[in-house]
């Protein structure tokens, strides 16, 4: 089994903290893979969803086609490093909203195209790390769309989510944190991590 890098462990830790106490709640862990973020989290019920059968998720589905769950059927949706792989991320956010119960929670993460490191890369004529690139790869592993913090918050807001918390896993060089994560603004870190709450009525 592939070893999980230290900076990924940090992301998992933050996301699990954002999920909070779910002992009486239903969790949907999207793109759970071989090492689900929901692993070790106590819940009433946890559904792992993935498009790859070998990971043996409870639900096998193509996320691009929607989420095969009923309306208002889960309390928490976890989507770690998923939205950048989806052809229509706005539809995906709407689907997360649909399956969540009233005041349900969405915890998601995605690479930050505008991290402080990527700003330096672009300055020196390089593409951002982990950005969408021309490729013959047609698998789900390919990145389709890039995000920064303001764009992600805007998409959530426009689709009936209120951002509750935002963080990152810090400034990463050669796989190691080189700047204290707690002092790193979410807009500067390598990975954007957001906790958002479903809201029923939007105020204009």
N, C-alpha and C. Protein backbone atom coordinates (compact mmCIF):
# COMPACT_ATOMS: atom_id res chain seq x y z
N UNK A 1 0.84 -1.19 0.00
CA UNK A 1 0.00 0.00 0.00
C UNK A 1 0.88 1.25 0.00
N UNK A 2 0.51 2.25 -0.78
CA UNK A 2 1.27 3.48 -0.90
C UNK A 2 1.32 4.22 0.44
N UNK A 3 2.51 4.70 0.78
CA UNK A 3 2.68 5.45 2.02
C UNK A 3 2.09 6.84 1.86
N UNK A 4 1.36 7.31 2.88
CA UNK A 4 0.74 8.62 2.82
C UNK A 4 1.76 9.67 3.24
N UNK A 5 1.98 10.70 2.40
CA UNK A 5 2.93 11.75 2.76
C UNK A 5 2.49 12.52 4.00
N UNK A 6 3.45 13.12 4.69
CA UNK A 6 3.17 13.84 5.92
C UNK A 6 2.18 14.99 5.70
N UNK A 7 2.34 15.72 4.58
CA UNK A 7 1.45 16.86 4.34
C UNK A 7 0.02 16.40 4.04
N UNK A 8 -0.12 15.18 3.52
CA UNK A 8 -1.47 14.62 3.31
C UNK A 8 -2.08 14.23 4.65
N UNK A 9 -1.26 13.70 5.55
CA UNK A 9 -1.74 13.37 6.89
C UNK A 9 -2.28 14.62 7.59
N UNK A 10 -1.59 15.76 7.37
CA UNK A 10 -2.04 17.02 7.97
C UNK A 10 -3.42 17.39 7.41
N UNK A 11 -3.58 17.25 6.10
CA UNK A 11 -4.88 17.55 5.47
C UNK A 11 -5.97 16.66 6.05
N UNK A 12 -5.70 15.37 6.17
CA UNK A 12 -6.68 14.44 6.74
C UNK A 12 -7.06 14.86 8.16
N UNK A 13 -6.06 15.24 8.94
CA UNK A 13 -6.30 15.63 10.33
C UNK A 13 -7.24 16.83 10.40
N UNK A 14 -6.97 17.84 9.57
CA UNK A 14 -7.82 19.04 9.57
C UNK A 14 -9.24 18.70 9.13
N UNK A 15 -9.36 17.90 8.08
CA UNK A 15 -10.69 17.56 7.58
C UNK A 15 -11.49 16.77 8.61
N UNK A 16 -10.82 15.87 9.30
CA UNK A 16 -11.51 15.10 10.34
C UNK A 16 -11.93 16.00 11.49
N UNK A 17 -11.11 16.99 11.82
CA UNK A 17 -11.49 17.96 12.85
C UNK A 17 -12.71 18.77 12.39
N UNK A 18 -12.73 19.15 11.11
CA UNK A 18 -13.86 19.91 10.57
C UNK A 18 -15.15 19.08 10.58
N UNK A 19 -15.03 17.78 10.39
CA UNK A 19 -16.22 16.91 10.41
C UNK A 19 -16.85 16.93 11.79
N UNK A 20 -16.04 16.89 12.83
CA UNK A 20 -16.54 17.01 14.20
C UNK A 20 -17.19 15.73 14.71
N UNK A 21 -18.08 15.89 15.68
CA UNK A 21 -18.76 14.77 16.33
C UNK A 21 -19.90 14.27 15.45
N UNK A 22 -19.78 13.05 14.97
CA UNK A 22 -20.80 12.50 14.06
C UNK A 22 -21.37 11.18 14.58
N UNK A 23 -21.31 10.97 15.88
CA UNK A 23 -21.73 9.68 16.45
C UNK A 23 -23.19 9.35 16.14
N UNK A 24 -24.01 10.38 15.92
CA UNK A 24 -25.43 10.14 15.62
C UNK A 24 -25.78 10.56 14.20
N UNK A 25 -24.75 10.71 13.35
CA UNK A 25 -24.99 11.24 12.01
C UNK A 25 -24.58 10.26 10.91
N UNK A 26 -25.09 10.53 9.70
CA UNK A 26 -24.78 9.72 8.52
C UNK A 26 -23.76 10.47 7.67
N UNK A 27 -22.67 9.79 7.32
CA UNK A 27 -21.59 10.39 6.54
C UNK A 27 -21.56 9.80 5.13
N UNK A 28 -21.32 10.65 4.15
CA UNK A 28 -21.01 10.21 2.80
C UNK A 28 -19.60 10.67 2.48
N UNK A 29 -18.69 9.71 2.28
CA UNK A 29 -17.29 9.99 1.98
C UNK A 29 -17.08 9.74 0.49
N UNK A 30 -16.98 10.83 -0.29
CA UNK A 30 -16.90 10.74 -1.75
C UNK A 30 -15.45 10.61 -2.20
N UNK A 31 -15.20 9.66 -3.10
CA UNK A 31 -13.84 9.43 -3.57
C UNK A 31 -12.97 8.89 -2.46
N UNK A 32 -13.52 7.97 -1.69
CA UNK A 32 -12.87 7.49 -0.48
C UNK A 32 -11.53 6.81 -0.75
N UNK A 33 -11.40 6.11 -1.88
CA UNK A 33 -10.13 5.49 -2.22
C UNK A 33 -9.71 4.39 -1.25
N UNK A 34 -8.40 4.15 -1.21
CA UNK A 34 -7.89 3.06 -0.36
C UNK A 34 -7.69 3.51 1.09
N UNK A 35 -7.69 4.83 1.32
CA UNK A 35 -7.48 5.36 2.67
C UNK A 35 -8.53 6.43 2.93
N UNK A 36 -9.76 6.03 3.27
CA UNK A 36 -10.85 6.99 3.44
C UNK A 36 -10.58 8.01 4.54
N UNK A 37 -10.94 9.25 4.29
CA UNK A 37 -10.83 10.29 5.32
C UNK A 37 -11.75 9.94 6.49
N UNK A 38 -12.85 9.27 6.20
CA UNK A 38 -13.83 8.90 7.24
C UNK A 38 -13.36 7.76 8.13
N UNK A 39 -12.24 7.13 7.77
CA UNK A 39 -11.75 6.01 8.57
C UNK A 39 -11.45 6.47 10.00
N UNK A 40 -12.00 5.77 10.97
CA UNK A 40 -11.77 6.11 12.36
C UNK A 40 -12.76 7.11 12.93
N UNK A 41 -13.64 7.65 12.08
CA UNK A 41 -14.65 8.59 12.56
C UNK A 41 -15.90 7.80 12.96
N UNK A 42 -16.35 7.98 14.18
CA UNK A 42 -17.54 7.30 14.67
C UNK A 42 -18.78 7.96 14.07
N UNK A 43 -19.70 7.15 13.55
CA UNK A 43 -20.91 7.70 12.95
C UNK A 43 -22.06 6.71 13.11
N UNK A 44 -23.26 7.19 12.86
CA UNK A 44 -24.43 6.30 12.84
C UNK A 44 -24.31 5.35 11.65
N UNK A 45 -23.86 5.91 10.52
CA UNK A 45 -23.64 5.13 9.30
C UNK A 45 -22.71 5.91 8.39
N UNK A 46 -21.76 5.22 7.76
CA UNK A 46 -20.85 5.85 6.81
C UNK A 46 -20.93 5.12 5.47
N UNK A 47 -21.19 5.89 4.42
CA UNK A 47 -21.19 5.36 3.06
C UNK A 47 -19.94 5.86 2.35
N UNK A 48 -19.12 4.94 1.88
CA UNK A 48 -17.96 5.32 1.08
C UNK A 48 -18.34 5.18 -0.39
N UNK A 49 -18.11 6.23 -1.15
CA UNK A 49 -18.44 6.23 -2.57
C UNK A 49 -17.17 6.42 -3.38
N UNK A 50 -17.00 5.59 -4.40
CA UNK A 50 -15.84 5.71 -5.27
C UNK A 50 -16.20 5.14 -6.64
N UNK A 51 -15.45 5.59 -7.64
CA UNK A 51 -15.68 5.07 -8.98
C UNK A 51 -14.84 3.84 -9.29
N UNK A 52 -13.99 3.43 -8.34
CA UNK A 52 -13.09 2.30 -8.54
C UNK A 52 -13.51 1.14 -7.64
N UNK A 53 -13.88 0.03 -8.25
CA UNK A 53 -14.41 -1.12 -7.49
C UNK A 53 -13.39 -1.76 -6.57
N UNK A 54 -12.10 -1.70 -6.95
CA UNK A 54 -11.08 -2.41 -6.16
C UNK A 54 -10.93 -1.84 -4.76
N UNK A 55 -11.39 -0.62 -4.55
CA UNK A 55 -11.34 -0.02 -3.21
C UNK A 55 -12.49 -0.50 -2.32
N UNK A 56 -13.41 -1.27 -2.93
CA UNK A 56 -14.53 -1.89 -2.22
C UNK A 56 -15.39 -0.88 -1.44
N UNK A 57 -15.80 0.20 -2.11
CA UNK A 57 -16.70 1.15 -1.44
C UNK A 57 -18.11 0.58 -1.34
N UNK A 58 -18.92 1.14 -0.44
CA UNK A 58 -20.33 0.73 -0.36
C UNK A 58 -21.09 1.12 -1.62
N UNK A 59 -20.68 2.25 -2.24
CA UNK A 59 -21.35 2.75 -3.44
C UNK A 59 -20.31 2.95 -4.54
N UNK A 60 -20.52 2.30 -5.69
CA UNK A 60 -19.67 2.51 -6.85
C UNK A 60 -20.44 3.38 -7.84
N UNK A 61 -19.88 4.53 -8.20
CA UNK A 61 -20.63 5.45 -9.08
C UNK A 61 -19.68 6.41 -9.78
N UNK A 62 -20.11 6.88 -10.95
CA UNK A 62 -19.42 7.95 -11.67
C UNK A 62 -19.95 9.27 -11.13
N UNK A 63 -19.13 9.98 -10.38
CA UNK A 63 -19.57 11.21 -9.74
C UNK A 63 -20.00 12.27 -10.75
N UNK A 64 -19.42 12.22 -11.96
CA UNK A 64 -19.80 13.18 -12.98
C UNK A 64 -21.28 13.08 -13.36
N UNK A 65 -21.88 11.93 -13.08
CA UNK A 65 -23.29 11.73 -13.42
C UNK A 65 -24.22 12.05 -12.25
N UNK A 66 -23.66 12.48 -11.15
CA UNK A 66 -24.47 12.80 -9.97
C UNK A 66 -24.22 11.82 -8.84
N UNK A 67 -24.88 12.08 -7.71
CA UNK A 67 -24.74 11.22 -6.53
C UNK A 67 -25.98 10.34 -6.39
N UNK A 68 -25.81 9.02 -6.40
CA UNK A 68 -26.97 8.10 -6.37
C UNK A 68 -27.55 7.92 -4.97
N UNK A 69 -27.95 9.02 -4.37
CA UNK A 69 -28.57 8.99 -3.05
C UNK A 69 -29.84 9.85 -3.07
N UNK A 70 -30.72 9.60 -2.13
CA UNK A 70 -31.96 10.35 -2.03
C UNK A 70 -31.70 11.75 -1.49
N UNK A 71 -32.66 12.64 -1.75
CA UNK A 71 -32.59 13.98 -1.19
C UNK A 71 -32.55 13.93 0.33
N UNK A 72 -31.79 14.84 0.93
CA UNK A 72 -31.74 15.00 2.40
C UNK A 72 -31.53 13.67 3.12
N UNK A 73 -30.54 12.91 2.67
CA UNK A 73 -30.33 11.57 3.22
C UNK A 73 -29.07 11.43 4.08
N UNK A 74 -28.19 12.45 4.06
CA UNK A 74 -26.96 12.36 4.86
C UNK A 74 -26.74 13.67 5.63
N UNK A 75 -25.97 13.57 6.71
CA UNK A 75 -25.68 14.75 7.54
C UNK A 75 -24.36 15.42 7.17
N UNK A 76 -23.42 14.62 6.70
CA UNK A 76 -22.08 15.14 6.39
C UNK A 76 -21.60 14.56 5.06
N UNK A 77 -21.08 15.42 4.20
CA UNK A 77 -20.42 14.98 2.97
C UNK A 77 -18.94 15.35 3.06
N UNK A 78 -18.09 14.36 2.83
CA UNK A 78 -16.64 14.57 2.78
C UNK A 78 -16.21 14.41 1.33
N UNK A 79 -15.49 15.40 0.81
CA UNK A 79 -15.01 15.33 -0.58
C UNK A 79 -13.57 15.82 -0.63
N UNK A 80 -12.64 14.93 -0.36
CA UNK A 80 -11.23 15.28 -0.34
C UNK A 80 -10.57 15.10 -1.69
N UNK A 81 -10.08 16.19 -2.28
CA UNK A 81 -9.38 16.16 -3.57
C UNK A 81 -10.26 15.53 -4.67
N UNK A 82 -11.48 16.00 -4.77
CA UNK A 82 -12.44 15.46 -5.73
C UNK A 82 -12.85 16.49 -6.78
N UNK A 83 -13.18 17.71 -6.32
CA UNK A 83 -13.83 18.68 -7.19
C UNK A 83 -12.98 19.06 -8.40
N UNK A 84 -11.65 18.98 -8.28
CA UNK A 84 -10.78 19.35 -9.39
C UNK A 84 -10.77 18.30 -10.51
N UNK A 85 -11.35 17.14 -10.23
CA UNK A 85 -11.40 16.05 -11.22
C UNK A 85 -12.74 16.00 -11.97
N UNK A 86 -13.67 16.87 -11.61
CA UNK A 86 -15.05 16.77 -12.11
C UNK A 86 -15.30 17.77 -13.23
N UNK A 87 -15.97 17.31 -14.28
CA UNK A 87 -16.23 18.15 -15.45
C UNK A 87 -17.14 19.33 -15.12
N UNK A 88 -18.11 19.12 -14.25
CA UNK A 88 -19.03 20.18 -13.88
C UNK A 88 -19.06 20.32 -12.35
N UNK A 89 -18.13 21.09 -11.79
CA UNK A 89 -18.05 21.20 -10.34
C UNK A 89 -19.26 21.89 -9.71
N UNK A 90 -19.92 22.76 -10.46
CA UNK A 90 -21.11 23.44 -9.93
C UNK A 90 -22.24 22.43 -9.74
N UNK A 91 -22.41 21.53 -10.72
CA UNK A 91 -23.40 20.46 -10.58
C UNK A 91 -23.06 19.59 -9.37
N UNK A 92 -21.77 19.32 -9.17
CA UNK A 92 -21.34 18.50 -8.05
C UNK A 92 -21.71 19.15 -6.72
N UNK A 93 -21.46 20.46 -6.60
CA UNK A 93 -21.80 21.17 -5.36
C UNK A 93 -23.31 21.14 -5.14
N UNK A 94 -24.08 21.29 -6.18
CA UNK A 94 -25.54 21.23 -6.07
C UNK A 94 -26.00 19.84 -5.63
N UNK A 95 -25.32 18.81 -6.13
CA UNK A 95 -25.66 17.45 -5.73
C UNK A 95 -25.34 17.21 -4.26
N UNK A 96 -24.22 17.76 -3.81
CA UNK A 96 -23.88 17.66 -2.38
C UNK A 96 -24.95 18.33 -1.54
N UNK A 97 -25.40 19.49 -1.99
CA UNK A 97 -26.46 20.22 -1.27
C UNK A 97 -27.75 19.40 -1.25
N UNK A 98 -28.07 18.78 -2.37
CA UNK A 98 -29.31 18.01 -2.48
C UNK A 98 -29.36 16.85 -1.51
N UNK A 99 -28.25 16.11 -1.38
CA UNK A 99 -28.27 14.91 -0.54
C UNK A 99 -28.10 15.23 0.94
N UNK A 100 -27.68 16.46 1.25
CA UNK A 100 -27.50 16.83 2.64
C UNK A 100 -28.83 17.21 3.30
N UNK A 101 -28.95 16.87 4.57
CA UNK A 101 -30.10 17.28 5.36
C UNK A 101 -30.00 18.76 5.71
N UNK A 102 -31.04 19.31 6.27
CA UNK A 102 -31.04 20.71 6.69
C UNK A 102 -29.86 20.96 7.63
N UNK A 103 -29.12 22.02 7.36
CA UNK A 103 -27.93 22.39 8.13
C UNK A 103 -26.83 21.33 8.08
N UNK A 104 -26.87 20.50 7.02
CA UNK A 104 -25.82 19.51 6.83
C UNK A 104 -24.49 20.17 6.52
N UNK A 105 -23.42 19.40 6.66
CA UNK A 105 -22.07 19.92 6.52
C UNK A 105 -21.34 19.29 5.33
N UNK A 106 -20.66 20.13 4.57
CA UNK A 106 -19.78 19.69 3.49
C UNK A 106 -18.35 20.05 3.87
N UNK A 107 -17.48 19.04 3.90
CA UNK A 107 -16.06 19.27 4.16
C UNK A 107 -15.29 18.85 2.91
N UNK A 108 -14.63 19.80 2.27
CA UNK A 108 -13.94 19.47 1.02
C UNK A 108 -12.54 20.08 1.00
N UNK A 109 -11.72 19.52 0.13
CA UNK A 109 -10.38 20.07 -0.09
C UNK A 109 -10.05 19.98 -1.56
N UNK A 110 -9.15 20.87 -2.00
CA UNK A 110 -8.70 20.88 -3.39
C UNK A 110 -7.39 21.63 -3.48
N UNK A 111 -6.52 21.29 -4.44
CA UNK A 111 -5.27 22.03 -4.60
C UNK A 111 -5.53 23.51 -4.86
N UNK A 112 -4.67 24.36 -4.31
CA UNK A 112 -4.80 25.81 -4.43
C UNK A 112 -3.88 26.32 -5.54
N UNK A 113 -4.47 26.68 -6.67
CA UNK A 113 -3.67 27.17 -7.80
C UNK A 113 -2.94 28.46 -7.46
N UNK A 114 -3.46 29.21 -6.49
CA UNK A 114 -2.85 30.49 -6.12
C UNK A 114 -2.09 30.41 -4.80
N UNK A 115 -1.57 29.25 -4.46
CA UNK A 115 -0.74 29.13 -3.25
C UNK A 115 0.47 30.03 -3.40
N UNK A 116 1.10 30.36 -2.28
CA UNK A 116 2.27 31.23 -2.34
C UNK A 116 3.37 30.61 -3.19
N UNK A 117 3.51 29.29 -3.12
CA UNK A 117 4.53 28.61 -3.93
C UNK A 117 4.19 28.72 -5.42
N UNK A 118 2.91 28.55 -5.75
CA UNK A 118 2.51 28.64 -7.16
C UNK A 118 2.64 30.05 -7.71
N UNK A 119 2.48 31.05 -6.86
CA UNK A 119 2.66 32.43 -7.31
C UNK A 119 4.11 32.65 -7.74
N UNK A 120 5.05 32.06 -7.01
CA UNK A 120 6.45 32.15 -7.40
C UNK A 120 6.71 31.36 -8.67
N UNK A 121 6.08 30.20 -8.79
CA UNK A 121 6.26 29.38 -9.99
C UNK A 121 5.81 30.14 -11.24
N UNK A 122 4.64 30.76 -11.16
CA UNK A 122 4.13 31.52 -12.31
C UNK A 122 5.05 32.72 -12.61
N UNK A 123 5.55 33.36 -11.57
CA UNK A 123 6.47 34.50 -11.76
C UNK A 123 7.69 34.09 -12.58
N UNK A 124 8.16 32.86 -12.37
CA UNK A 124 9.33 32.38 -13.09
C UNK A 124 8.95 31.58 -14.35
N UNK A 125 7.71 31.74 -14.80
CA UNK A 125 7.29 31.16 -16.07
C UNK A 125 6.90 29.70 -16.03
N UNK A 126 6.64 29.16 -14.83
CA UNK A 126 6.24 27.76 -14.70
C UNK A 126 4.75 27.66 -14.40
N UNK A 127 4.16 26.53 -14.79
CA UNK A 127 2.77 26.28 -14.45
C UNK A 127 2.65 25.94 -12.96
N UNK A 128 1.51 26.26 -12.35
CA UNK A 128 1.30 25.87 -10.94
C UNK A 128 1.35 24.36 -10.77
N UNK A 129 1.80 23.93 -9.61
CA UNK A 129 1.77 22.50 -9.30
C UNK A 129 0.33 22.01 -9.27
N UNK A 130 0.13 20.79 -9.70
CA UNK A 130 -1.17 20.11 -9.63
C UNK A 130 -2.26 20.79 -10.46
N UNK A 131 -1.88 21.69 -11.37
CA UNK A 131 -2.91 22.37 -12.16
C UNK A 131 -3.37 21.48 -13.31
N UNK A 132 -4.50 21.85 -13.92
CA UNK A 132 -4.99 21.13 -15.10
C UNK A 132 -4.02 21.38 -16.26
N UNK A 133 -3.59 20.28 -16.90
CA UNK A 133 -2.62 20.39 -17.98
C UNK A 133 -3.11 19.58 -19.19
N UNK A 134 -2.62 19.90 -20.39
CA UNK A 134 -2.92 19.07 -21.56
C UNK A 134 -2.43 17.65 -21.33
N UNK A 135 -3.27 16.69 -21.61
CA UNK A 135 -2.89 15.30 -21.34
C UNK A 135 -3.77 14.35 -22.14
N UNK A 136 -3.22 13.18 -22.45
CA UNK A 136 -4.02 12.13 -23.08
C UNK A 136 -4.70 11.25 -22.05
N UNK A 137 -4.42 11.52 -20.79
CA UNK A 137 -5.02 10.75 -19.70
C UNK A 137 -6.52 11.05 -19.64
N UNK A 138 -7.34 10.03 -19.81
CA UNK A 138 -8.79 10.20 -19.77
C UNK A 138 -9.40 9.59 -18.51
N UNK A 139 -8.54 9.23 -17.56
CA UNK A 139 -9.02 8.63 -16.33
C UNK A 139 -9.48 9.71 -15.36
N UNK A 140 -10.10 9.28 -14.28
CA UNK A 140 -10.58 10.21 -13.27
C UNK A 140 -9.44 10.86 -12.50
N UNK A 141 -8.22 10.34 -12.65
CA UNK A 141 -7.07 10.90 -11.95
C UNK A 141 -6.67 12.27 -12.49
N UNK A 142 -7.09 12.57 -13.70
CA UNK A 142 -6.68 13.82 -14.34
C UNK A 142 -7.40 15.03 -13.72
N UNK A 143 -6.65 16.13 -13.52
CA UNK A 143 -7.26 17.37 -13.05
C UNK A 143 -7.91 18.09 -14.22
N UNK A 144 -9.15 18.49 -14.03
CA UNK A 144 -9.93 19.13 -15.09
C UNK A 144 -10.01 20.64 -14.90
N UNK A 145 -10.17 21.08 -13.65
CA UNK A 145 -10.40 22.49 -13.33
C UNK A 145 -9.54 22.90 -12.15
N UNK A 146 -9.05 24.15 -12.17
CA UNK A 146 -8.25 24.68 -11.08
C UNK A 146 -9.09 25.61 -10.20
N UNK A 147 -8.70 25.70 -8.92
CA UNK A 147 -9.44 26.55 -7.98
C UNK A 147 -8.49 27.37 -7.13
N UNK A 148 -8.99 28.55 -6.71
CA UNK A 148 -8.37 29.27 -5.61
C UNK A 148 -9.46 29.51 -4.57
N UNK A 149 -9.09 30.09 -3.44
CA UNK A 149 -10.04 30.21 -2.33
C UNK A 149 -11.26 31.08 -2.67
N UNK A 150 -11.10 32.29 -3.25
CA UNK A 150 -12.27 33.11 -3.54
C UNK A 150 -13.27 32.45 -4.50
N UNK A 151 -12.76 31.77 -5.52
CA UNK A 151 -13.65 31.12 -6.48
C UNK A 151 -14.43 29.99 -5.81
N UNK A 152 -13.76 29.20 -4.98
CA UNK A 152 -14.43 28.09 -4.33
C UNK A 152 -15.49 28.59 -3.35
N UNK A 153 -15.17 29.62 -2.59
CA UNK A 153 -16.15 30.20 -1.66
C UNK A 153 -17.35 30.76 -2.41
N UNK A 154 -17.09 31.38 -3.56
CA UNK A 154 -18.18 31.95 -4.36
C UNK A 154 -19.10 30.86 -4.89
N UNK A 155 -18.53 29.79 -5.42
CA UNK A 155 -19.35 28.68 -5.93
C UNK A 155 -20.22 28.11 -4.81
N UNK A 156 -19.65 27.95 -3.64
CA UNK A 156 -20.42 27.44 -2.51
C UNK A 156 -21.56 28.39 -2.15
N UNK A 157 -21.24 29.66 -2.07
CA UNK A 157 -22.26 30.66 -1.69
C UNK A 157 -23.40 30.69 -2.71
N UNK A 158 -23.07 30.61 -3.98
CA UNK A 158 -24.09 30.68 -5.03
C UNK A 158 -24.95 29.43 -5.11
N UNK A 159 -24.52 28.38 -4.39
CA UNK A 159 -25.27 27.12 -4.41
C UNK A 159 -25.68 26.69 -3.01
N UNK A 160 -26.06 27.69 -2.19
CA UNK A 160 -26.70 27.49 -0.89
C UNK A 160 -25.80 26.80 0.14
N UNK A 161 -24.56 27.30 0.22
CA UNK A 161 -23.66 26.89 1.28
C UNK A 161 -23.04 28.12 1.92
N UNK A 162 -22.90 28.07 3.23
CA UNK A 162 -22.22 29.12 3.97
C UNK A 162 -20.89 28.57 4.47
N UNK A 163 -19.79 29.22 4.11
CA UNK A 163 -18.47 28.78 4.56
C UNK A 163 -18.33 29.04 6.06
N UNK A 164 -18.09 27.98 6.81
CA UNK A 164 -17.98 28.06 8.26
C UNK A 164 -16.52 28.18 8.69
N UNK A 165 -15.66 27.36 8.07
CA UNK A 165 -14.24 27.37 8.39
C UNK A 165 -13.43 27.20 7.10
N UNK A 166 -12.24 27.76 7.10
CA UNK A 166 -11.33 27.57 5.96
C UNK A 166 -9.91 27.46 6.48
N UNK A 167 -9.13 26.60 5.86
CA UNK A 167 -7.78 26.35 6.32
C UNK A 167 -6.96 25.81 5.16
N UNK A 168 -5.73 25.42 5.45
CA UNK A 168 -4.87 24.77 4.46
C UNK A 168 -3.92 23.84 5.20
N UNK A 169 -3.17 23.05 4.44
CA UNK A 169 -2.18 22.18 5.08
C UNK A 169 -0.81 22.83 5.13
N UNK A 170 -0.74 24.15 4.85
CA UNK A 170 0.50 24.89 5.00
C UNK A 170 1.26 25.11 3.70
N UNK A 171 2.46 25.64 3.83
CA UNK A 171 3.35 25.88 2.69
C UNK A 171 4.28 24.69 2.58
N UNK A 172 4.20 23.99 1.44
CA UNK A 172 4.91 22.72 1.27
C UNK A 172 6.02 22.83 0.24
N UNK A 173 7.22 22.42 0.60
CA UNK A 173 8.33 22.29 -0.34
C UNK A 173 8.97 20.93 -0.16
N UNK A 174 9.09 20.20 -1.28
CA UNK A 174 9.69 18.87 -1.27
C UNK A 174 9.01 17.96 -0.23
N UNK A 175 7.68 18.08 -0.16
CA UNK A 175 6.91 17.19 0.69
C UNK A 175 6.89 17.54 2.16
N UNK A 176 7.50 18.67 2.54
CA UNK A 176 7.55 19.04 3.95
C UNK A 176 6.99 20.44 4.18
N UNK A 177 6.37 20.63 5.33
CA UNK A 177 5.89 21.95 5.71
C UNK A 177 7.09 22.82 6.09
N UNK A 178 7.21 23.96 5.42
CA UNK A 178 8.35 24.84 5.67
C UNK A 178 7.92 26.13 6.37
N UNK A 179 6.62 26.25 6.65
CA UNK A 179 6.11 27.42 7.36
C UNK A 179 4.98 26.95 8.25
N UNK A 180 4.89 27.45 9.48
CA UNK A 180 3.84 26.97 10.40
C UNK A 180 2.45 27.05 9.79
N UNK A 181 1.76 25.93 9.79
CA UNK A 181 0.43 25.88 9.16
C UNK A 181 -0.54 26.86 9.79
N UNK A 182 -0.50 26.99 11.11
CA UNK A 182 -1.46 27.85 11.80
C UNK A 182 -1.23 29.33 11.49
N UNK A 183 -0.04 29.66 10.95
CA UNK A 183 0.25 31.03 10.57
C UNK A 183 0.08 31.26 9.07
N UNK A 184 -0.31 30.22 8.35
CA UNK A 184 -0.46 30.31 6.90
C UNK A 184 -1.90 30.67 6.54
N UNK A 185 -2.14 31.82 5.90
CA UNK A 185 -3.49 32.12 5.43
C UNK A 185 -4.00 31.03 4.48
N UNK A 186 -5.28 30.74 4.54
CA UNK A 186 -5.84 29.67 3.71
C UNK A 186 -5.59 29.92 2.23
N UNK A 187 -5.52 31.20 1.83
CA UNK A 187 -5.31 31.53 0.42
C UNK A 187 -3.87 31.32 -0.03
N UNK A 188 -2.94 31.08 0.92
CA UNK A 188 -1.53 30.89 0.58
C UNK A 188 -1.10 29.43 0.61
N UNK A 189 -1.84 28.58 1.32
CA UNK A 189 -1.44 27.19 1.49
C UNK A 189 -1.57 26.35 0.24
N UNK A 190 -0.96 25.18 0.25
CA UNK A 190 -0.97 24.31 -0.93
C UNK A 190 -2.35 23.74 -1.21
N UNK A 191 -3.06 23.37 -0.16
CA UNK A 191 -4.38 22.78 -0.29
C UNK A 191 -5.41 23.65 0.43
N UNK A 192 -6.52 23.93 -0.24
CA UNK A 192 -7.64 24.64 0.38
C UNK A 192 -8.52 23.62 1.08
N UNK A 193 -8.85 23.89 2.33
CA UNK A 193 -9.74 23.00 3.10
C UNK A 193 -10.88 23.85 3.64
N UNK A 194 -12.11 23.46 3.32
CA UNK A 194 -13.28 24.25 3.69
C UNK A 194 -14.34 23.39 4.37
N UNK A 195 -14.94 23.97 5.39
CA UNK A 195 -16.14 23.42 6.01
C UNK A 195 -17.28 24.36 5.69
N UNK A 196 -18.34 23.86 5.05
CA UNK A 196 -19.47 24.69 4.64
C UNK A 196 -20.78 24.08 5.13
N UNK A 197 -21.72 24.93 5.49
CA UNK A 197 -23.02 24.48 5.99
C UNK A 197 -24.11 24.75 4.97
N UNK A 198 -24.96 23.78 4.76
CA UNK A 198 -26.10 23.95 3.87
C UNK A 198 -27.07 24.95 4.48
N UNK A 199 -27.51 25.90 3.66
CA UNK A 199 -28.51 26.87 4.11
C UNK A 199 -29.74 26.78 3.22
N UNK A 200 -30.91 26.92 3.82
CA UNK A 200 -32.16 26.74 3.08
C UNK A 200 -32.53 27.96 2.25
N UNK A 201 -32.33 29.14 2.84
CA UNK A 201 -32.76 30.37 2.16
C UNK A 201 -31.58 31.33 2.00
N UNK A 202 -31.40 31.80 0.78
CA UNK A 202 -30.33 32.74 0.50
C UNK A 202 -30.84 34.17 0.64
N UNK A 203 -30.07 35.01 1.32
CA UNK A 203 -30.41 36.41 1.39
C UNK A 203 -29.75 37.15 0.24
N UNK A 204 -30.51 37.95 -0.44
CA UNK A 204 -30.01 38.70 -1.58
C UNK A 204 -29.08 39.83 -1.11
